[in-house]
């Protein structure tokens, strides 16, 4: 009669489960990072809540404070506060019509950059995505206002004080992860600049897709509110 250990070893070998031990560490690391960036940090970092925002970080009565160390956060919302609402709505409608702006001309997006018509690693057409980004008119002008959340669920707004590469409505997905390093908070607002922000990437598909689908409606609602005010 085989021992329990022998039976377990036989099952593992039979089902080829032991082959996982031969997976390179680099591959395992990349997989772990990918899953982390695609996760909700309130769940994936629930056991690492030592690096979180102060619970009253959004308090407007605090004139200024400095966050110590590195704090991972995820993006819940991004808004281009440097471009008028109607300009953003018109840009979205150009994308819907398949148009883009080149200089003073309006052209079909398929002709914006034919060289960029390449397929990405996720199987999507990067050329089409790049054309849409050009058409939307939100290619990084800003400044941008972000809603950020840490692993403990604390939510705070951040405003782009200096241009941060990659922070645009088109490029920064909802659920993207940022790393704040020794950032300054003034009147409950995190002051974002390249020196205190590192973009880690990622996306929470369940948040990003409905956010983009509903963006035009939200902008229209804001314009209606301004007109009635």
Protein backbone atom coordinates (compact mmCIF):
# COMPACT_ATOMS: atom_id res chain seq x y z
CA UNK A 1 0.00 0.00 0.00
CA UNK A 2 1.45 3.36 -1.07
CA UNK A 3 1.79 6.08 1.54
CA UNK A 4 -0.29 9.30 1.29
CA UNK A 5 2.84 11.22 0.28
CA UNK A 6 3.56 8.76 -2.53
CA UNK A 7 -0.03 8.99 -3.78
CA UNK A 8 0.10 12.79 -3.72
CA UNK A 9 3.36 12.79 -5.67
CA UNK A 10 1.92 10.38 -8.24
CA UNK A 11 -1.18 12.57 -8.74
CA UNK A 12 0.94 15.67 -9.18
CA UNK A 13 3.18 13.97 -11.73
CA UNK A 14 0.24 12.41 -13.58
CA UNK A 15 -1.59 15.72 -13.93
CA UNK A 16 1.62 17.57 -14.80
CA UNK A 17 1.12 19.91 -11.88
CA UNK A 18 4.74 19.77 -10.85
CA UNK A 19 5.77 21.39 -14.12
CA UNK A 20 4.73 24.73 -12.62
CA UNK A 21 7.86 24.58 -10.47
CA UNK A 22 9.92 25.04 -13.61
CA UNK A 23 8.26 28.33 -14.58
CA UNK A 24 10.89 31.10 -14.63
CA UNK A 25 10.68 33.58 -11.78
CA UNK A 26 10.54 36.45 -14.29
CA UNK A 27 7.40 34.98 -15.88
CA UNK A 28 5.74 34.51 -12.51
CA UNK A 29 6.65 38.08 -11.58
CA UNK A 30 5.15 39.50 -14.77
CA UNK A 31 1.96 37.51 -14.20
CA UNK A 32 1.69 38.73 -10.63
CA UNK A 33 2.22 42.36 -11.67
CA UNK A 34 -0.36 42.06 -14.47
CA UNK A 35 -2.96 40.64 -12.08
CA UNK A 36 -2.21 43.28 -9.47
CA UNK A 37 -2.60 46.13 -11.96
CA UNK A 38 -5.91 44.66 -13.16
CA UNK A 39 -7.23 44.19 -9.64
CA UNK A 40 -9.06 46.35 -7.14
CA UNK A 41 -6.37 47.36 -4.65
CA UNK A 42 -8.90 47.32 -1.83
CA UNK A 43 -8.82 43.55 -2.27
CA UNK A 44 -5.36 42.79 -3.63
CA UNK A 45 -3.57 45.04 -1.11
CA UNK A 46 -5.95 44.51 1.78
CA UNK A 47 -3.14 43.03 3.90
CA UNK A 48 -0.76 45.89 3.16
CA UNK A 49 -2.63 48.87 4.52
CA UNK A 50 0.35 50.45 6.21
CA UNK A 51 0.97 52.53 3.08
CA UNK A 52 -2.36 54.34 2.80
CA UNK A 53 -3.67 57.88 2.80
CA UNK A 54 -4.59 59.60 6.08
CA UNK A 55 -8.26 58.96 6.79
CA UNK A 56 -8.93 62.72 6.75
CA UNK A 57 -6.76 63.49 3.73
CA UNK A 58 -9.67 65.23 1.99
CA UNK A 59 -10.23 67.68 4.88
CA UNK A 60 -10.32 71.19 3.31
CA UNK A 61 -9.58 72.85 6.65
CA UNK A 62 -6.01 71.50 6.63
CA UNK A 63 -4.01 74.09 4.76
CA UNK A 64 -1.11 71.82 3.79
CA UNK A 65 0.35 68.45 4.69
CA UNK A 66 2.98 66.16 3.23
CA UNK A 67 2.33 62.47 2.66
CA UNK A 68 5.25 60.37 3.87
CA UNK A 69 6.68 57.53 1.78
CA UNK A 70 5.08 55.72 -1.15
CA UNK A 71 1.33 55.20 -1.36
CA UNK A 72 -0.28 53.13 -4.15
CA UNK A 73 -3.64 54.41 -5.40
CA UNK A 74 -6.03 53.63 -8.23
CA UNK A 75 -7.87 56.02 -10.53
CA UNK A 76 -11.65 56.17 -10.18
CA UNK A 77 -12.22 59.19 -12.41
CA UNK A 78 -10.33 61.62 -14.63
CA UNK A 79 -11.53 64.98 -15.90
CA UNK A 80 -9.92 67.43 -18.30
CA UNK A 81 -10.49 70.74 -16.52
CA UNK A 82 -8.48 72.70 -19.08
CA UNK A 83 -10.86 72.05 -21.98
CA UNK A 84 -14.43 73.34 -22.21
CA UNK A 85 -17.27 70.85 -21.76
CA UNK A 86 -18.66 71.52 -25.24
CA UNK A 87 -15.24 71.02 -26.83
CA UNK A 88 -15.00 67.63 -25.15
CA UNK A 89 -18.52 66.67 -26.26
CA UNK A 90 -17.79 67.70 -29.84
CA UNK A 91 -14.55 65.69 -29.73
CA UNK A 92 -16.45 62.58 -28.61
CA UNK A 93 -18.99 63.09 -31.41
CA UNK A 94 -16.18 63.36 -33.96
CA UNK A 95 -14.92 59.97 -32.80
CA UNK A 96 -18.45 58.58 -33.10
CA UNK A 97 -18.54 59.83 -36.71
CA UNK A 98 -15.10 58.40 -37.39
CA UNK A 99 -13.46 61.78 -37.84
CA UNK A 100 -10.27 63.36 -36.57
CA UNK A 101 -8.64 66.79 -36.69
CA UNK A 102 -5.41 67.29 -38.64
CA UNK A 103 -4.39 70.92 -38.48
CA UNK A 104 -7.52 72.79 -39.55
CA UNK A 105 -8.95 69.89 -41.48
CA UNK A 106 -11.41 67.21 -40.39
CA UNK A 107 -10.46 63.84 -41.85
CA UNK A 108 -11.50 60.23 -41.43
CA UNK A 109 -9.63 58.66 -38.52
CA UNK A 110 -8.45 55.74 -40.63
CA UNK A 111 -6.27 58.20 -42.53
CA UNK A 112 -4.73 59.90 -39.50
CA UNK A 113 -1.72 57.64 -39.23
CA UNK A 114 -1.63 54.60 -41.42
CA UNK A 115 1.76 53.58 -40.06
CA UNK A 116 0.23 53.11 -36.63
CA UNK A 117 -2.18 50.45 -37.84
CA UNK A 118 -0.54 47.71 -35.85
CA UNK A 119 -2.02 45.10 -33.63
CA UNK A 120 -1.20 45.22 -29.94
CA UNK A 121 -0.41 42.34 -27.63
CA UNK A 122 -4.03 42.22 -26.49
CA UNK A 123 -5.22 41.67 -30.04
CA UNK A 124 -6.70 45.15 -30.48
CA UNK A 125 -5.87 47.56 -33.26
CA UNK A 126 -3.53 50.17 -31.82
CA UNK A 127 -3.84 52.31 -34.91
CA UNK A 128 -7.56 52.72 -34.41
CA UNK A 129 -7.02 53.52 -30.76
CA UNK A 130 -4.38 56.12 -31.58
CA UNK A 131 -6.62 57.68 -34.21
CA UNK A 132 -9.46 57.88 -31.72
CA UNK A 133 -7.15 59.56 -29.23
CA UNK A 134 -6.17 62.15 -31.84
CA UNK A 135 -9.79 62.71 -32.75
CA UNK A 136 -10.93 63.22 -29.21
CA UNK A 137 -8.87 66.34 -28.76
CA UNK A 138 -7.78 65.26 -25.28
CA UNK A 139 -4.24 64.44 -26.22
CA UNK A 140 -2.78 65.70 -22.97
CA UNK A 141 -3.58 69.39 -22.76
CA UNK A 142 -5.18 69.36 -19.33
CA UNK A 143 -4.65 70.08 -16.56
CA UNK A 144 -6.56 67.08 -15.25
CA UNK A 145 -8.46 66.37 -12.08
CA UNK A 146 -8.30 62.79 -10.80
CA UNK A 147 -10.28 60.92 -8.17
CA UNK A 148 -7.92 58.52 -6.39
CA UNK A 149 -8.51 55.65 -3.98
CA UNK A 150 -6.09 53.80 -1.72
CA UNK A 151 -6.07 50.21 -0.44
CA UNK A 152 -8.18 51.17 2.58
CA UNK A 153 -10.88 52.66 0.37
CA UNK A 154 -10.12 56.31 1.22
CA UNK A 155 -10.99 58.58 -1.72
CA UNK A 156 -9.33 61.91 -2.48
CA UNK A 157 -9.16 64.30 -5.42
CA UNK A 158 -5.87 65.20 -7.09
CA UNK A 159 -5.10 67.99 -9.52
CA UNK A 160 -2.31 68.03 -12.11
CA UNK A 161 -0.06 70.97 -11.24
CA UNK A 162 2.52 70.11 -13.89
CA UNK A 163 2.14 68.06 -17.05
CA UNK A 164 2.45 64.32 -16.27
CA UNK A 165 3.17 62.11 -19.27
CA UNK A 166 0.42 59.55 -19.74
CA UNK A 167 -2.23 61.41 -17.75
CA UNK A 168 -4.92 62.08 -20.35
CA UNK A 169 -8.55 61.06 -20.65
CA UNK A 170 -7.65 58.82 -23.60
CA UNK A 171 -4.57 57.12 -22.17
CA UNK A 172 -5.27 56.76 -18.45
CA UNK A 173 -7.74 53.95 -17.85
CA UNK A 174 -10.10 53.81 -14.92
CA UNK A 175 -8.51 51.46 -12.42
CA UNK A 176 -4.98 52.48 -13.42
CA UNK A 177 -2.50 52.37 -10.57
CA UNK A 178 -0.36 55.31 -9.51
CA UNK A 179 2.35 55.53 -6.89
CA UNK A 180 2.40 58.72 -4.85
CA UNK A 181 5.79 59.56 -3.32
CA UNK A 182 5.99 62.25 -0.65
CA UNK A 183 3.15 64.16 -2.28
CA UNK A 184 1.76 67.42 -0.95
CA UNK A 185 -1.91 67.81 -0.04
CA UNK A 186 -3.39 71.31 0.08
CA UNK A 187 -6.92 71.95 1.32
CA UNK A 188 -7.85 68.31 0.78
CA UNK A 189 -6.45 68.16 -2.75
CA UNK A 190 -3.37 66.13 -3.74
CA UNK A 191 -1.02 68.26 -5.84
CA UNK A 192 0.19 66.03 -8.67
CA UNK A 193 3.44 66.54 -10.57
CA UNK A 194 6.05 64.29 -12.22
CA UNK A 195 8.23 64.39 -9.11
CA UNK A 196 5.68 62.72 -6.86
CA UNK A 197 3.70 60.55 -9.29
CA UNK A 198 4.73 57.31 -10.97
CA UNK A 199 2.31 55.74 -13.44
CA UNK A 200 2.19 51.97 -12.98
CA UNK A 201 -0.53 51.28 -15.55
CA UNK A 202 -3.29 48.73 -15.45
CA UNK A 203 -7.05 48.90 -15.81
CA UNK A 204 -10.16 47.56 -14.11
CA UNK A 205 -12.26 46.53 -17.08
CA UNK A 206 -15.49 46.48 -15.11
CA UNK A 207 -15.00 50.16 -14.22
CA UNK A 208 -13.31 51.52 -17.34
CA UNK A 209 -15.83 50.33 -19.94
CA UNK A 210 -18.99 51.80 -18.35
CA UNK A 211 -17.08 54.99 -17.47
CA UNK A 212 -16.17 55.59 -21.12
CA UNK A 213 -19.59 54.62 -22.40
CA UNK A 214 -21.24 57.10 -20.06
CA UNK A 215 -18.76 59.97 -20.42
CA UNK A 216 -20.71 61.92 -23.05
CA UNK A 217 -23.91 61.72 -21.00
CA UNK A 218 -22.07 63.01 -17.92
CA UNK A 219 -20.63 65.95 -19.86
CA UNK A 220 -24.05 66.81 -21.27
CA UNK A 221 -25.51 66.67 -17.77
CA UNK A 222 -22.88 69.12 -16.55
CA UNK A 223 -23.60 71.57 -19.38
CA UNK A 224 -27.32 71.36 -18.59
CA UNK A 225 -26.56 72.14 -14.96
CA UNK A 226 -24.48 75.20 -15.95
CA UNK A 227 -27.21 76.49 -18.26
CA UNK A 228 -29.86 76.18 -15.55
CA UNK A 229 -27.69 77.83 -12.90
